[in-house]
């Protein structure tokens, strides 16, 4: 165990970092094929869990659960605050474009939103092996281009990571998707929208 001081005169926390290599799983359940250093660091009531891929990536904080050996995936009560990804489509395009093209737009936005935040704890948990068959998505709709751009601006102002998909080469904003968030964090941004039908 070594104290972690981050340049301060007092140690902030104590952690250990055993190196593990080749096809191992870290606490988020992601399978890695390279050398990484998983560690759990506790400081002032928070548990920090990280898989550092030979870089100086800061860990993400999650509240310490009652079970000290629980991983972040296990410490979440699945009934209380489920991880969810919101996808918002444009009704005007749904009514005029082929169904396959509309589905492709939603898929593009969803994958891009998760990939852009692939190092985020919620994204890693959402895509973890134990959650692959239990993903939660809500697909909603807005009337048209103005509404989807306004929604994107509202999400930016609220600090909600998302991807506004702009179809190229036409340069048309077709849909948006958030990164996975606990439902309680993002549901208020989407309360007034209708389910996409």
C-alpha atoms as a PDB file:
ATOM      1  CA  UNK A   1       0.000   0.000   0.000  1.00  0.00           C
ATOM      2  CA  UNK A   2       1.262   3.448  -0.951  1.00  0.00           C
ATOM      3  CA  UNK A   3      -0.207   6.809   0.043  1.00  0.00           C
ATOM      4  CA  UNK A   4      -1.629   8.865  -2.799  1.00  0.00           C
ATOM      5  CA  UNK A   5      -0.903  12.530  -2.177  1.00  0.00           C
ATOM      6  CA  UNK A   6      -1.490  14.315  -5.500  1.00  0.00           C
ATOM      7  CA  UNK A   7       1.036  16.988  -4.535  1.00  0.00           C
ATOM      8  CA  UNK A   8      -0.579  17.804  -1.198  1.00  0.00           C
ATOM      9  CA  UNK A   9       1.143  17.594   2.165  1.00  0.00           C
ATOM     10  CA  UNK A  10      -1.262  14.948   3.513  1.00  0.00           C
ATOM     11  CA  UNK A  11      -2.075  11.584   1.938  1.00  0.00           C
ATOM     12  CA  UNK A  12      -5.527  11.543   0.345  1.00  0.00           C
ATOM     13  CA  UNK A  13      -5.987   7.809   0.212  1.00  0.00           C
ATOM     14  CA  UNK A  14      -4.267   4.463   0.160  1.00  0.00           C
ATOM     15  CA  UNK A  15      -4.483   2.065  -2.742  1.00  0.00           C
ATOM     16  CA  UNK A  16      -2.828  -1.003  -4.171  1.00  0.00           C
ATOM     17  CA  UNK A  17      -2.340  -1.707  -7.846  1.00  0.00           C
ATOM     18  CA  UNK A  18      -1.422  -5.270  -8.812  1.00  0.00           C
ATOM     19  CA  UNK A  19      -0.727  -5.577 -12.531  1.00  0.00           C
ATOM     20  CA  UNK A  20      -2.893  -8.040 -14.431  1.00  0.00           C
ATOM     21  CA  UNK A  21      -2.442  -8.901 -18.069  1.00  0.00           C
ATOM     22  CA  UNK A  22      -4.140 -10.505 -21.038  1.00  0.00           C
ATOM     23  CA  UNK A  23      -7.879 -11.188 -21.158  1.00  0.00           C
ATOM     24  CA  UNK A  24      -8.718 -10.205 -17.621  1.00  0.00           C
ATOM     25  CA  UNK A  25     -11.782  -8.452 -16.332  1.00  0.00           C
ATOM     26  CA  UNK A  26     -11.748  -5.373 -14.207  1.00  0.00           C
ATOM     27  CA  UNK A  27     -14.397  -4.354 -11.705  1.00  0.00           C
ATOM     28  CA  UNK A  28     -16.630  -2.947 -14.438  1.00  0.00           C
ATOM     29  CA  UNK A  29     -16.848  -6.361 -16.104  1.00  0.00           C
ATOM     30  CA  UNK A  30     -15.130  -5.293 -19.311  1.00  0.00           C
ATOM     31  CA  UNK A  31     -12.758  -7.804 -20.810  1.00  0.00           C
ATOM     32  CA  UNK A  32      -9.358  -6.295 -21.514  1.00  0.00           C
ATOM     33  CA  UNK A  33      -6.537  -7.767 -23.580  1.00  0.00           C
ATOM     34  CA  UNK A  34      -3.779  -5.435 -22.462  1.00  0.00           C
ATOM     35  CA  UNK A  35      -1.887  -4.735 -19.282  1.00  0.00           C
ATOM     36  CA  UNK A  36      -3.927  -2.756 -16.807  1.00  0.00           C
ATOM     37  CA  UNK A  37      -3.905  -1.852 -13.140  1.00  0.00           C
ATOM     38  CA  UNK A  38      -7.272  -2.253 -11.411  1.00  0.00           C
ATOM     39  CA  UNK A  39      -7.487  -0.594  -8.050  1.00  0.00           C
ATOM     40  CA  UNK A  40     -10.033   0.334  -5.463  1.00  0.00           C
ATOM     41  CA  UNK A  41      -9.270   3.460  -3.488  1.00  0.00           C
ATOM     42  CA  UNK A  42     -11.346   4.665  -0.558  1.00  0.00           C
ATOM     43  CA  UNK A  43     -11.418   8.232   0.659  1.00  0.00           C
ATOM     44  CA  UNK A  44     -13.976  10.100   2.755  1.00  0.00           C
ATOM     45  CA  UNK A  45     -16.914   7.769   2.123  1.00  0.00           C
ATOM     46  CA  UNK A  46     -16.343   7.211  -1.592  1.00  0.00           C
ATOM     47  CA  UNK A  47     -14.922   4.202  -3.333  1.00  0.00           C
ATOM     48  CA  UNK A  48     -12.923   4.910  -6.460  1.00  0.00           C
ATOM     49  CA  UNK A  49     -12.664   2.044  -8.896  1.00  0.00           C
ATOM     50  CA  UNK A  50     -10.575   2.259 -12.006  1.00  0.00           C
ATOM     51  CA  UNK A  51      -8.871   0.213 -14.659  1.00  0.00           C
ATOM     52  CA  UNK A  52      -5.879   2.253 -15.709  1.00  0.00           C
ATOM     53  CA  UNK A  53      -4.588   1.291 -19.146  1.00  0.00           C
ATOM     54  CA  UNK A  54      -0.957   2.347 -18.690  1.00  0.00           C
ATOM     55  CA  UNK A  55      -2.000   5.983 -18.584  1.00  0.00           C
ATOM     56  CA  UNK A  56      -2.830   8.698 -16.106  1.00  0.00           C
ATOM     57  CA  UNK A  57      -6.641   8.362 -16.329  1.00  0.00           C
ATOM     58  CA  UNK A  58      -8.371   9.631 -13.172  1.00  0.00           C
ATOM     59  CA  UNK A  59     -10.715   7.139 -11.486  1.00  0.00           C
ATOM     60  CA  UNK A  60     -14.446   7.728 -11.117  1.00  0.00           C
ATOM     61  CA  UNK A  61     -16.049   8.090  -7.672  1.00  0.00           C
ATOM     62  CA  UNK A  62     -19.073   6.091  -6.566  1.00  0.00           C
ATOM     63  CA  UNK A  63     -20.585   5.968  -3.093  1.00  0.00           C
ATOM     64  CA  UNK A  64     -19.333   3.101  -0.918  1.00  0.00           C
ATOM     65  CA  UNK A  65     -21.954   0.394  -0.558  1.00  0.00           C
ATOM     66  CA  UNK A  66     -22.707  -1.609   2.556  1.00  0.00           C
ATOM     67  CA  UNK A  67     -20.849  -4.540   0.989  1.00  0.00           C
ATOM     68  CA  UNK A  68     -17.183  -3.526   0.997  1.00  0.00           C
ATOM     69  CA  UNK A  69     -16.315  -6.163  -1.630  1.00  0.00           C
ATOM     70  CA  UNK A  70     -19.011  -5.142  -4.099  1.00  0.00           C
ATOM     71  CA  UNK A  71     -18.024  -3.803  -7.500  1.00  0.00           C
ATOM     72  CA  UNK A  72     -19.763  -0.666  -8.845  1.00  0.00           C
ATOM     73  CA  UNK A  73     -22.088  -2.911 -10.869  1.00  0.00           C
ATOM     74  CA  UNK A  74     -23.081  -4.885  -7.767  1.00  0.00           C
ATOM     75  CA  UNK A  75     -23.440  -1.849  -5.493  1.00  0.00           C
ATOM     76  CA  UNK A  76     -26.274  -0.316  -7.568  1.00  0.00           C
ATOM     77  CA  UNK A  77     -29.788  -1.286  -6.505  1.00  0.00           C
ATOM     78  CA  UNK A  78     -31.314  -2.218  -9.884  1.00  0.00           C
ATOM     79  CA  UNK A  79     -34.854  -1.293  -8.795  1.00  0.00           C
ATOM     80  CA  UNK A  80     -34.001   2.155  -7.442  1.00  0.00           C
ATOM     81  CA  UNK A  81     -32.147   3.879 -10.278  1.00  0.00           C
ATOM     82  CA  UNK A  82     -31.710   1.935 -13.490  1.00  0.00           C
ATOM     83  CA  UNK A  83     -29.142   2.997 -16.087  1.00  0.00           C
ATOM     84  CA  UNK A  84     -30.951   4.213 -19.159  1.00  0.00           C
ATOM     85  CA  UNK A  85     -30.117   5.616 -22.569  1.00  0.00           C
ATOM     86  CA  UNK A  86     -32.537   8.022 -24.221  1.00  0.00           C
ATOM     87  CA  UNK A  87     -32.808   8.136 -28.021  1.00  0.00           C
ATOM     88  CA  UNK A  88     -34.872  10.919 -29.596  1.00  0.00           C
ATOM     89  CA  UNK A  89     -36.048  10.725 -33.207  1.00  0.00           C
ATOM     90  CA  UNK A  90     -37.650  13.310 -35.524  1.00  0.00           C
ATOM     91  CA  UNK A  91     -41.316  12.599 -36.322  1.00  0.00           C
ATOM     92  CA  UNK A  92     -41.134  14.470 -39.656  1.00  0.00           C
ATOM     93  CA  UNK A  93     -38.402  12.086 -40.840  1.00  0.00           C
ATOM     94  CA  UNK A  94     -40.188   9.007 -39.488  1.00  0.00           C
ATOM     95  CA  UNK A  95     -43.170   9.921 -41.660  1.00  0.00           C
ATOM     96  CA  UNK A  96     -41.115  10.456 -44.844  1.00  0.00           C
ATOM     97  CA  UNK A  97     -37.968   8.267 -44.719  1.00  0.00           C
ATOM     98  CA  UNK A  98     -37.825   4.482 -45.112  1.00  0.00           C
ATOM     99  CA  UNK A  99     -38.022   2.589 -41.804  1.00  0.00           C
ATOM    100  CA  UNK A 100     -34.537   1.088 -42.232  1.00  0.00           C
ATOM    101  CA  UNK A 101     -32.993   4.526 -42.685  1.00  0.00           C
ATOM    102  CA  UNK A 102     -34.709   5.820 -39.540  1.00  0.00           C
ATOM    103  CA  UNK A 103     -33.557   2.818 -37.505  1.00  0.00           C
ATOM    104  CA  UNK A 104     -30.001   3.292 -38.771  1.00  0.00           C
ATOM    105  CA  UNK A 105     -30.019   6.929 -37.598  1.00  0.00           C
ATOM    106  CA  UNK A 106     -31.043   5.907 -34.076  1.00  0.00           C
ATOM    107  CA  UNK A 107     -28.409   3.166 -34.030  1.00  0.00           C
ATOM    108  CA  UNK A 108     -25.707   5.593 -35.185  1.00  0.00           C
ATOM    109  CA  UNK A 109     -26.555   8.091 -32.445  1.00  0.00           C
ATOM    110  CA  UNK A 110     -26.784   5.411 -29.738  1.00  0.00           C
ATOM    111  CA  UNK A 111     -23.443   3.795 -30.548  1.00  0.00           C
ATOM    112  CA  UNK A 112     -21.710   7.162 -31.028  1.00  0.00           C
ATOM    113  CA  UNK A 113     -22.981   8.445 -27.647  1.00  0.00           C
ATOM    114  CA  UNK A 114     -21.710   5.360 -25.814  1.00  0.00           C
ATOM    115  CA  UNK A 115     -18.402   5.262 -27.690  1.00  0.00           C
ATOM    116  CA  UNK A 116     -17.703   8.951 -27.035  1.00  0.00           C
ATOM    117  CA  UNK A 117     -18.079   8.229 -23.293  1.00  0.00           C
ATOM    118  CA  UNK A 118     -16.577   4.718 -23.295  1.00  0.00           C
ATOM    119  CA  UNK A 119     -14.337   5.495 -20.286  1.00  0.00           C
ATOM    120  CA  UNK A 120     -17.278   6.711 -18.194  1.00  0.00           C
ATOM    121  CA  UNK A 121     -18.302   4.447 -15.292  1.00  0.00           C
ATOM    122  CA  UNK A 122     -21.976   4.408 -16.321  1.00  0.00           C
ATOM    123  CA  UNK A 123     -21.158   3.570 -19.948  1.00  0.00           C
ATOM    124  CA  UNK A 124     -18.849   0.758 -18.854  1.00  0.00           C
ATOM    125  CA  UNK A 125     -21.481  -0.649 -16.514  1.00  0.00           C
ATOM    126  CA  UNK A 126     -24.227  -0.330 -19.155  1.00  0.00           C
ATOM    127  CA  UNK A 127     -22.105  -2.312 -21.634  1.00  0.00           C
ATOM    128  CA  UNK A 128     -20.698  -4.777 -19.097  1.00  0.00           C
ATOM    129  CA  UNK A 129     -21.044  -8.486 -19.758  1.00  0.00           C
ATOM    130  CA  UNK A 130     -23.580  -8.947 -16.963  1.00  0.00           C
ATOM    131  CA  UNK A 131     -25.784  -6.121 -18.340  1.00  0.00           C
ATOM    132  CA  UNK A 132     -25.672  -6.870 -22.082  1.00  0.00           C
ATOM    133  CA  UNK A 133     -29.011  -8.674 -21.936  1.00  0.00           C
ATOM    134  CA  UNK A 134     -30.584  -6.049 -19.650  1.00  0.00           C
ATOM    135  CA  UNK A 135     -29.998  -2.710 -21.379  1.00  0.00           C
ATOM    136  CA  UNK A 136     -32.681  -0.051 -20.986  1.00  0.00           C
ATOM    137  CA  UNK A 137     -33.410   2.430 -23.769  1.00  0.00           C
ATOM    138  CA  UNK A 138     -36.309   4.819 -24.186  1.00  0.00           C
ATOM    139  CA  UNK A 139     -37.044   6.006 -27.721  1.00  0.00           C
ATOM    140  CA  UNK A 140     -38.913   9.294 -27.891  1.00  0.00           C
ATOM    141  CA  UNK A 141     -39.836  11.723 -30.648  1.00  0.00           C
ATOM    142  CA  UNK A 142     -39.889  15.438 -31.394  1.00  0.00           C
ATOM    143  CA  UNK A 143     -41.709  17.176 -34.269  1.00  0.00           C
ATOM    144  CA  UNK A 144     -38.753  18.261 -36.384  1.00  0.00           C
ATOM    145  CA  UNK A 145     -35.331  19.810 -36.811  1.00  0.00           C
ATOM    146  CA  UNK A 146     -35.928  22.900 -34.675  1.00  0.00           C
ATOM    147  CA  UNK A 147     -37.116  20.818 -31.728  1.00  0.00           C
ATOM    148  CA  UNK A 148     -34.193  18.370 -31.855  1.00  0.00           C
ATOM    149  CA  UNK A 149     -31.675  21.222 -32.003  1.00  0.00           C
ATOM    150  CA  UNK A 150     -33.422  22.954 -29.074  1.00  0.00           C
ATOM    151  CA  UNK A 151     -33.354  19.705 -27.077  1.00  0.00           C
ATOM    152  CA  UNK A 152     -29.642  19.284 -27.797  1.00  0.00           C
ATOM    153  CA  UNK A 153     -28.970  22.831 -26.580  1.00  0.00           C
ATOM    154  CA  UNK A 154     -31.004  22.158 -23.427  1.00  0.00           C
ATOM    155  CA  UNK A 155     -28.956  18.999 -22.755  1.00  0.00           C
ATOM    156  CA  UNK A 156     -25.689  20.885 -23.298  1.00  0.00           C
ATOM    157  CA  UNK A 157     -26.826  23.581 -20.845  1.00  0.00           C
ATOM    158  CA  UNK A 158     -27.739  20.858 -18.330  1.00  0.00           C
ATOM    159  CA  UNK A 159     -24.376  19.104 -18.670  1.00  0.00           C
ATOM    160  CA  UNK A 160     -25.900  15.940 -20.163  1.00  0.00           C
ATOM    161  CA  UNK A 161     -23.505  14.109 -22.498  1.00  0.00           C
ATOM    162  CA  UNK A 162     -25.192  13.153 -25.735  1.00  0.00           C
ATOM    163  CA  UNK A 163     -24.654  12.802 -29.472  1.00  0.00           C
ATOM    164  CA  UNK A 164     -26.699  14.842 -31.924  1.00  0.00           C
ATOM    165  CA  UNK A 165     -26.423  12.713 -35.059  1.00  0.00           C
ATOM    166  CA  UNK A 166     -25.961  14.805 -38.209  1.00  0.00           C
ATOM    167  CA  UNK A 167     -26.431  12.749 -41.349  1.00  0.00           C
ATOM    168  CA  UNK A 168     -23.751  13.419 -43.952  1.00  0.00           C
ATOM    169  CA  UNK A 169     -23.316  14.578 -46.671  1.00  0.00           C
ATOM    170  CA  UNK A 170     -26.793  16.132 -46.332  1.00  0.00           C
ATOM    171  CA  UNK A 171     -25.861  17.835 -43.019  1.00  0.00           C
ATOM    172  CA  UNK A 172     -29.265  17.002 -41.491  1.00  0.00           C
ATOM    173  CA  UNK A 173     -29.650  16.576 -37.696  1.00  0.00           C
ATOM    174  CA  UNK A 174     -31.706  13.366 -37.592  1.00  0.00           C
ATOM    175  CA  UNK A 175     -31.745  12.231 -33.957  1.00  0.00           C
ATOM    176  CA  UNK A 176     -29.865  12.310 -30.677  1.00  0.00           C
ATOM    177  CA  UNK A 177     -28.913   9.845 -27.970  1.00  0.00           C
ATOM    178  CA  UNK A 178     -27.605  10.329 -24.452  1.00  0.00           C
ATOM    179  CA  UNK A 179     -24.836   8.326 -22.895  1.00  0.00           C
ATOM    180  CA  UNK A 180     -26.199   5.912 -20.264  1.00  0.00           C
ATOM    181  CA  UNK A 181     -27.212   7.721 -17.067  1.00  0.00           C
ATOM    182  CA  UNK A 182     -29.103   6.763 -13.928  1.00  0.00           C
ATOM    183  CA  UNK A 183     -32.739   7.463 -14.766  1.00  0.00           C
ATOM    184  CA  UNK A 184     -33.094   9.997 -11.936  1.00  0.00           C
ATOM    185  CA  UNK A 185     -30.354  12.165 -13.462  1.00  0.00           C
ATOM    186  CA  UNK A 186     -31.835  12.575 -16.956  1.00  0.00           C
ATOM    187  CA  UNK A 187     -35.546  11.765 -16.919  1.00  0.00           C
ATOM    188  CA  UNK A 188     -36.548  15.383 -16.201  1.00  0.00           C
ATOM    189  CA  UNK A 189     -35.092  16.507 -19.548  1.00  0.00           C
ATOM    190  CA  UNK A 190     -37.430  14.168 -21.450  1.00  0.00           C
ATOM    191  CA  UNK A 191     -40.704  14.322 -19.455  1.00  0.00           C
ATOM    192  CA  UNK A 192     -42.607  16.365 -22.048  1.00  0.00           C
ATOM    193  CA  UNK A 193     -41.670  14.172 -25.016  1.00  0.00           C
ATOM    194  CA  UNK A 194     -43.876  11.403 -26.462  1.00  0.00           C
ATOM    195  CA  UNK A 195     -42.827   7.809 -26.948  1.00  0.00           C
ATOM    196  CA  UNK A 196     -41.876   7.156 -30.547  1.00  0.00           C
ATOM    197  CA  UNK A 197     -44.619   5.042 -32.157  1.00  0.00           C
END
